[in-house]
Protein backbone atom coordinates (compact mmCIF):
# COMPACT_ATOMS: atom_id res chain seq x y z
CA MET A 1 -12.42 -35.34 21.12
CA LYS A 2 -9.78 -33.91 23.15
CA VAL A 3 -7.38 -33.41 20.01
CA LEU A 4 -10.29 -32.30 17.89
CA ALA A 5 -11.00 -29.41 20.91
CA GLY A 6 -7.00 -28.61 21.00
CA LEU A 7 -7.14 -27.97 17.25
CA ALA A 8 -9.77 -25.94 17.04
CA THR A 9 -8.90 -23.81 20.12
CA ALA A 10 -5.68 -23.34 18.36
CA ALA A 11 -7.06 -22.40 15.53
CA TRP A 12 -8.82 -19.46 17.25
CA LEU A 13 -5.42 -18.93 19.34
CA CYS A 14 -3.59 -18.43 15.87
CA GLY A 15 -6.34 -15.97 14.79
CA PHE A 16 -6.53 -13.87 17.99
CA ALA A 17 -2.51 -13.53 17.63
CA ILE A 18 -2.95 -12.39 13.33
CA ALA A 19 -5.46 -9.83 14.86
CA GLY A 20 -3.00 -8.53 17.46
CA LEU A 21 -0.31 -8.04 15.08
CA THR A 22 -2.31 -6.38 12.16
CA TRP A 23 -3.93 -4.04 14.71
CA ARG A 24 -0.47 -3.13 15.75
CA CYS A 25 0.25 -2.44 11.89
CA PHE A 26 -2.82 -0.38 11.89
CA ARG A 27 -2.36 1.68 14.62
CA ASP A 28 1.32 1.94 14.05
CA GLY A 29 1.95 1.97 10.31
CA LEU A 30 3.14 -0.57 7.93
CA ALA A 31 6.59 0.42 8.22
CA THR A 32 7.53 -2.80 9.57
CA VAL A 33 5.14 -5.71 9.25
CA PRO A 34 6.02 -8.37 11.31
CA VAL A 35 6.44 -11.10 8.34
CA GLU A 36 7.75 -13.95 10.01
CA PRO A 37 5.10 -14.18 13.18
CA ILE A 38 2.04 -13.52 10.58
CA THR A 39 3.41 -16.33 8.20
CA VAL A 40 3.64 -18.58 11.23
CA CYS A 41 0.52 -17.96 12.77
CA VAL A 42 -1.35 -18.78 9.34
CA VAL A 43 0.32 -21.73 8.36
CA VAL A 44 -0.36 -22.87 12.07
CA MET A 45 -4.09 -22.00 11.86
CA ALA A 46 -4.35 -23.55 8.53
CA ALA A 47 -2.75 -26.77 9.87
CA CYS A 48 -4.88 -26.98 12.82
CA THR A 49 -7.77 -26.09 10.88
CA ALA A 50 -7.23 -28.93 8.08
CA GLY A 51 -6.19 -31.53 10.77
CA ALA A 52 -9.67 -30.90 12.34
CA LEU A 53 -11.58 -31.02 9.57
CA LEU A 54 -9.89 -34.68 8.85
CA LEU A 55 -10.27 -35.96 12.46
CA ALA A 56 -13.85 -34.59 12.64
CA ALA A 57 -14.98 -36.45 9.33
CA TRP A 58 -13.29 -39.83 10.69
CA ARG A 59 -15.03 -39.26 13.99
CA MET A 60 -18.62 -38.74 11.88
CA LEU A 61 -18.14 -41.75 9.97
CA ALA A 62 -16.87 -43.69 12.81
CA GLY A 63 -18.43 -42.61 16.16
CA PRO A 64 -18.94 -41.41 18.74
CA SER A 65 -19.71 -37.93 20.03
CA ARG A 66 -21.01 -36.87 15.94
CA PHE A 67 -22.60 -33.61 17.46
CA ALA A 68 -19.84 -32.55 19.28
CA SER A 69 -17.64 -33.26 16.49
CA VAL A 70 -19.51 -30.93 14.13
CA MET A 71 -19.47 -28.53 16.88
CA TRP A 72 -15.79 -28.19 17.17
CA CYS A 73 -15.23 -28.86 13.35
CA ILE A 74 -17.31 -25.32 12.64
CA ALA A 75 -15.44 -23.92 15.17
CA SER A 76 -11.80 -24.42 13.98
CA VAL A 77 -12.66 -23.28 10.43
CA VAL A 78 -14.20 -19.83 11.73
CA PRO A 79 -10.77 -18.10 12.37
CA GLY A 80 -9.62 -19.08 8.52
CA ALA A 81 -13.04 -18.05 7.31
CA VAL A 82 -12.51 -14.46 9.09
CA VAL A 83 -9.08 -14.20 7.35
CA ALA A 84 -10.26 -15.23 4.08
CA GLY A 85 -13.50 -13.06 4.04
CA ASP A 86 -10.88 -9.99 5.19
CA LEU A 87 -8.76 -11.01 2.10
CA ARG A 88 -11.95 -10.73 -0.34
CA TYR A 89 -12.94 -7.38 0.94
CA ALA A 90 -9.71 -5.83 0.34
CA GLN A 91 -9.62 -7.66 -3.07
CA ARG A 92 -13.09 -5.96 -3.88
CA GLN A 93 -12.13 -2.59 -2.25
CA TRP A 94 -8.86 -2.63 -5.00
CA GLU A 95 -10.84 -3.64 -7.60
CA GLN A 96 -12.44 -0.31 -7.31
CA ARG A 97 -9.03 1.64 -6.72
CA LEU A 98 -10.05 2.22 -2.98
CA ALA A 99 -7.33 1.72 -0.60
CA PRO A 100 -9.19 3.14 2.87
CA ARG A 101 -7.31 2.96 6.04
CA THR A 102 -9.71 0.90 7.87
CA TYR A 103 -8.64 -1.82 10.45
CA PRO A 104 -9.98 -4.74 7.61
CA PHE A 105 -8.06 -3.03 4.62
CA VAL A 106 -4.65 -2.87 7.20
CA ALA A 107 -5.09 -5.99 8.03
CA ALA A 108 -5.54 -7.84 4.67
CA GLN A 109 -2.34 -5.73 3.70
CA CYS A 110 -0.12 -6.93 6.26
CA LEU A 111 -1.52 -10.89 5.20
CA ALA A 112 -0.42 -9.57 1.50
CA VAL A 113 3.06 -8.38 2.60
CA SER A 114 3.75 -12.13 4.13
CA ALA A 115 2.37 -13.61 1.55
CA ILE A 116 4.85 -11.87 -0.58
CA HIS A 117 7.85 -12.06 1.73
CA VAL A 118 7.37 -15.69 1.40
CA GLY A 119 6.51 -16.06 -2.35
CA ALA A 120 8.83 -14.41 -3.59
CA SER A 121 12.13 -16.40 -3.79
CA ARG A 122 9.50 -19.03 -5.18
CA ALA A 123 8.35 -17.15 -7.61
CA TYR A 124 11.62 -15.31 -8.85
CA ARG A 125 14.59 -17.34 -9.47
CA TYR A 126 17.26 -14.67 -8.50
CA LYS A 127 17.67 -12.26 -5.81
CA LEU A 128 20.13 -9.40 -5.76
CA ASP A 129 21.17 -7.20 -2.11
CA THR A 130 22.31 -3.36 -2.39
CA ASP A 131 22.46 -1.40 0.68
CA HIS A 132 18.57 -0.43 0.93
CA VAL A 133 17.17 -2.77 -1.95
CA ARG A 134 16.63 -6.43 -2.04
CA MET A 135 15.53 -7.02 -5.80
CA TYR A 136 14.14 -10.40 -6.88
CA TYR A 137 14.26 -10.63 -10.82
CA GLN A 138 14.01 -13.22 -13.33
CA PRO A 139 16.92 -14.33 -15.13
CA ASP A 140 15.49 -12.29 -18.52
CA LEU A 141 16.95 -9.14 -16.42
CA THR A 142 19.53 -7.67 -18.64
CA GLU A 143 21.22 -5.15 -16.19
CA PRO A 144 20.24 -6.18 -12.22
CA ARG A 145 23.34 -4.78 -10.76
CA ARG A 146 22.61 -1.59 -12.29
CA ASP A 147 18.96 -1.24 -11.48
CA ALA A 148 19.28 -2.58 -7.84
CA GLU A 149 21.93 0.32 -7.47
CA LEU A 150 20.11 2.75 -9.20
CA MET A 151 16.94 2.49 -7.03
CA SER A 152 19.35 1.91 -3.87
CA ALA A 153 20.28 5.55 -4.78
CA PHE A 154 16.86 6.34 -5.10
CA VAL A 155 15.78 5.57 -1.61
CA THR A 156 18.76 7.44 -0.32
CA GLU A 157 17.11 10.39 -2.09
CA LEU A 158 13.91 9.79 -0.69
CA SER A 159 14.92 9.24 2.97
CA ALA A 160 16.43 12.17 2.88
CA ARG A 161 13.99 14.52 1.56
CA LEU A 162 11.21 12.38 4.08
CA ASN A 163 13.79 12.69 7.41
CA VAL A 164 13.31 8.59 7.40
CA LYS A 165 15.99 5.95 7.80
CA PRO A 166 16.29 3.79 4.50
CA GLU A 167 16.41 0.70 6.68
CA PRO A 168 15.27 -1.87 6.59
CA ARG A 169 15.64 -3.04 3.27
CA LEU A 170 12.68 -2.37 0.63
CA VAL A 171 11.99 -5.68 -0.96
CA TRP A 172 11.71 -5.04 -4.77
CA LEU A 173 9.80 -7.32 -7.41
CA ARG A 174 10.69 -7.21 -10.88
CA GLY A 175 7.10 -7.67 -12.17
CA GLY A 176 4.61 -7.64 -9.22
CA MET A 177 2.71 -10.91 -6.92
CA LEU A 178 -0.54 -11.44 -6.25
CA GLY A 179 -1.97 -9.32 -9.27
CA LEU A 180 -0.25 -6.12 -8.24
CA THR A 181 2.23 -4.22 -10.20
CA GLY A 182 3.28 -0.76 -9.76
CA ALA A 183 2.24 -0.25 -5.96
CA GLY A 184 4.14 0.20 -3.06
CA PHE A 185 3.53 -0.21 0.63
CA GLY A 186 4.32 -2.36 3.71
CA GLY A 187 8.07 -2.10 2.84
CA VAL A 188 7.43 -3.74 -0.48
CA ALA A 189 7.75 -2.14 -4.05
CA LEU A 190 5.78 -4.02 -6.74
CA GLY A 191 7.59 -3.15 -9.72
CA SER A 192 6.12 -2.63 -13.21
CA PRO A 193 5.79 -6.58 -15.20
CA GLY A 194 8.45 -7.53 -18.21
CA PRO A 195 11.90 -7.49 -18.12
CA GLY A 196 12.32 -3.41 -19.28
CA ARG A 197 14.90 -1.15 -17.55
CA VAL A 198 13.89 0.91 -14.33
CA ASN A 199 10.80 3.10 -15.24
CA VAL A 200 8.14 5.91 -13.93
CA ALA A 201 6.16 2.76 -12.50
CA ASP A 202 8.77 1.53 -10.44
CA ARG A 203 10.10 4.83 -9.20
CA ARG A 204 6.25 5.65 -7.79
CA ALA A 205 6.35 2.18 -5.97
CA PHE A 206 9.36 3.52 -4.36
CA ALA A 207 8.24 6.48 -3.46
CA ALA A 208 4.78 5.22 -2.30
CA ALA A 209 6.44 3.04 0.00
CA MET A 210 9.13 5.64 1.52
CA LEU A 211 6.37 8.00 1.99
CA GLU A 212 4.28 5.39 3.70
CA ARG A 213 7.03 4.87 6.15
CA ALA A 214 7.60 8.41 6.59
CA LEU A 215 3.79 9.24 7.64
CA GLY A 216 3.32 6.01 9.82
CA PRO A 217 -0.55 5.86 10.58
CA ALA A 218 -1.61 9.04 8.90
CA ASP A 219 -4.67 8.87 6.71
CA PRO A 220 -3.96 11.29 4.19
CA PRO A 221 -6.25 11.45 0.65
CA ALA A 222 -4.77 9.52 -2.43
CA LEU A 223 -4.84 13.10 -3.97
CA LEU A 224 -1.76 13.62 -2.11
CA THR A 225 -0.26 10.19 -1.67
CA ASP A 226 -0.52 9.39 -5.20
CA GLY A 227 0.88 13.04 -6.38
CA TRP A 228 3.47 13.00 -3.89
CA ALA A 229 4.61 9.73 -5.83
CA PHE A 230 4.25 10.84 -9.06
CA ALA A 231 6.12 13.93 -8.55
CA ALA A 232 8.89 12.17 -7.00
CA ALA A 233 9.13 9.21 -9.77
CA THR A 234 8.82 11.84 -12.94
CA ALA A 235 11.65 14.19 -11.70
CA SER A 236 10.37 17.04 -13.95
CA THR A 237 8.42 19.81 -13.05
CA ARG A 238 7.30 20.79 -16.53
CA ARG A 239 6.48 17.22 -17.30
CA THR A 240 4.44 17.02 -14.49
CA ALA A 241 2.66 20.29 -14.31
CA ARG A 242 1.60 19.33 -18.57
CA ALA A 243 0.43 16.07 -17.07
CA ALA A 244 -1.89 17.61 -14.43
CA LEU A 245 -3.30 20.44 -16.89
CA THR A 246 -4.24 17.25 -19.00
CA ALA A 247 -5.98 15.80 -16.43
CA TYR A 248 -8.04 18.79 -15.49
CA GLY A 249 -9.08 19.74 -18.72
CA GLU A 250 -9.55 22.73 -20.74
CA PRO A 251 -10.98 24.47 -19.80
CA PRO A 252 -11.29 22.74 -16.11
CA GLY A 253 -13.53 19.76 -15.41
CA THR A 254 -12.10 18.81 -12.68
CA ARG A 255 -11.51 20.41 -8.98
CA LEU A 256 -9.29 19.56 -6.19
CA ALA A 257 -12.63 18.89 -4.11
CA ASP A 258 -13.97 16.45 -6.48
CA LEU A 259 -10.86 14.50 -6.17
CA SER A 260 -10.80 14.64 -2.10
CA LEU A 261 -13.97 14.20 -0.59
CA GLY A 262 -16.47 11.28 -0.08
CA ASP A 263 -15.00 7.98 -1.40
CA ARG A 264 -12.75 10.09 -3.97
CA TYR A 265 -10.67 10.66 -0.53
CA HIS A 266 -9.04 6.65 -0.70
CA ARG A 267 -9.54 6.26 -4.79
CA HIS A 268 -6.34 5.78 -6.59
CA THR A 269 -6.76 6.63 -10.14
CA SER A 270 -4.51 8.28 -12.84
CA ASP A 271 -6.66 11.60 -12.12
CA THR A 272 -5.42 11.57 -8.62
CA ALA A 273 -1.71 10.94 -9.58
CA THR A 274 -1.40 13.36 -12.05
CA ILE A 275 -3.11 16.22 -10.59
CA GLY A 276 -1.99 15.65 -7.58
CA GLY A 277 1.58 15.44 -8.51
CA GLY A 278 1.36 19.01 -10.11
CA LEU A 279 -0.60 19.96 -6.50
CA VAL A 280 2.75 18.65 -4.46
CA LEU A 281 4.95 20.30 -6.63
CA TYR A 282 2.60 23.70 -6.06
CA LEU A 283 2.93 23.36 -2.50
CA ARG A 284 6.42 22.03 -2.39
CA ALA A 285 7.30 25.38 -4.24
CA ARG A 286 5.13 27.99 -2.31
CA PHE A 287 5.66 26.37 1.25
CA GLY A 288 8.21 24.15 1.33
CA ASP A 289 8.26 20.37 1.83
CA ASP A 290 7.56 20.40 5.73
CA THR A 291 4.31 21.76 5.28
CA VAL A 292 3.58 19.47 2.67
CA LEU A 293 4.31 16.20 5.12
CA GLU A 294 2.46 18.51 7.69
CA LEU A 295 -0.44 18.14 5.77
CA CYS A 296 -0.47 14.93 4.91
CA ARG A 297 0.05 13.90 8.38
CA LYS A 298 -2.54 15.76 10.14
CA SER A 299 -5.25 14.66 7.09
CA GLU A 300 -8.60 12.86 7.92
CA ALA A 301 -11.24 12.16 5.37
CA ARG A 302 -13.89 13.52 7.89
CA ASP A 303 -12.37 16.90 8.09
CA TRP A 304 -9.96 16.90 5.15
CA PRO A 305 -11.14 20.58 3.57
CA ARG A 306 -10.79 22.56 7.09
CA THR A 307 -7.32 20.77 7.70
CA PHE A 308 -6.14 22.00 4.27
CA ALA A 309 -7.38 24.96 4.85
CA ARG A 310 -5.73 25.25 8.54
CA VAL A 311 -2.12 24.68 6.93
CA ILE A 312 -2.78 25.76 3.61
CA GLY A 313 -4.67 28.80 4.47
CA VAL A 314 -7.02 28.53 1.79
CA PRO A 315 -9.90 26.13 1.37
CA PRO A 316 -9.77 23.22 -1.61
CA ALA A 317 -12.55 24.87 -3.13
CA SER A 318 -10.97 28.20 -3.58
CA PHE A 319 -7.43 26.89 -4.54
CA ASP A 320 -7.78 26.02 -7.90
CA ALA A 321 -7.57 29.22 -9.68
CA ARG A 322 -3.89 30.30 -8.34
CA PHE A 323 -2.81 26.29 -8.76
CA LEU A 324 -4.11 26.66 -12.48
CA ARG A 325 -2.13 29.74 -12.89
CA TRP A 326 1.10 28.20 -11.48
CA LEU A 327 0.51 24.71 -13.73
CA ARG A 328 -0.13 26.99 -16.90
CA THR A 329 3.33 28.97 -16.18
CA LYS A 330 5.36 25.75 -15.37
CA ALA A 331 3.92 23.61 -18.25
CA GLY A 332 4.58 26.82 -20.47
CA ARG A 333 1.31 27.56 -21.94
CA ALA A 334 -0.19 30.80 -21.78
CA SER A 335 -3.18 31.51 -19.41
CA PRO A 336 -6.85 31.98 -21.02
């Protein structure tokens, strides 16, 4: 019985350790996820749970102390069940394109980043390191060195714009993992599927990961984070303005407030990326990069309109008209 109790206790200790490690990421941001400690805790917890289940099954068959064995068995399963439930919660949120900055969601992101680091070398046959990028890829990629150097230079450009260090290396998976592609978080860039050349989806993933590194524990709206990544990846004011106008609709069927209130604050859609891209370019041209980053850092879901008005000087509800005029000018379209 002491062995069974020890296994259950060890599983709980690992669960508490995971909670502490992921809470630190929630408090400080996902710039540096403690991958190795989290991985060790998960593996040990799983081993202790499996050992407790096997030992409890044997004790229930052979006796004695069957009831105590069942109780310790249930206790050993609880930490793993909590972790599994958290991952399921995050999966259901992302199925709705929601990425709230809540502790359960951030904890699931930490677990996902750890799983990606562990699984990348098994899912991809090759690895290539540059100054700022570690790229995992398959043998059908035609020019891996060129792609890695290109994105390493892109990281240098982003780090200068965001005033953050380019280290540690971003981990780049050429094809995604865990069912995710075109996403960047926790120092990981999940690229576009297929062996093709670097595209906008890859650049957006890098931009999102670097922006997250710069913002730390801030909770800006998806309109700003997706928009910043889209604008950085597209690198064309005219193309970004045209995409934003198309998403707005003619006459405008969408307002900035519609994309940043309620659950839309954390919802990542094509509209938040394209309209947000135009918004970020406009704010950058009108107020500068520092103001855009200040708005991102100070934003909160509960106080977004007032924060926008305090930093920019105009509430989002009154902002659309001048923003649309700027978009039409940059897109080369006449105002109606």
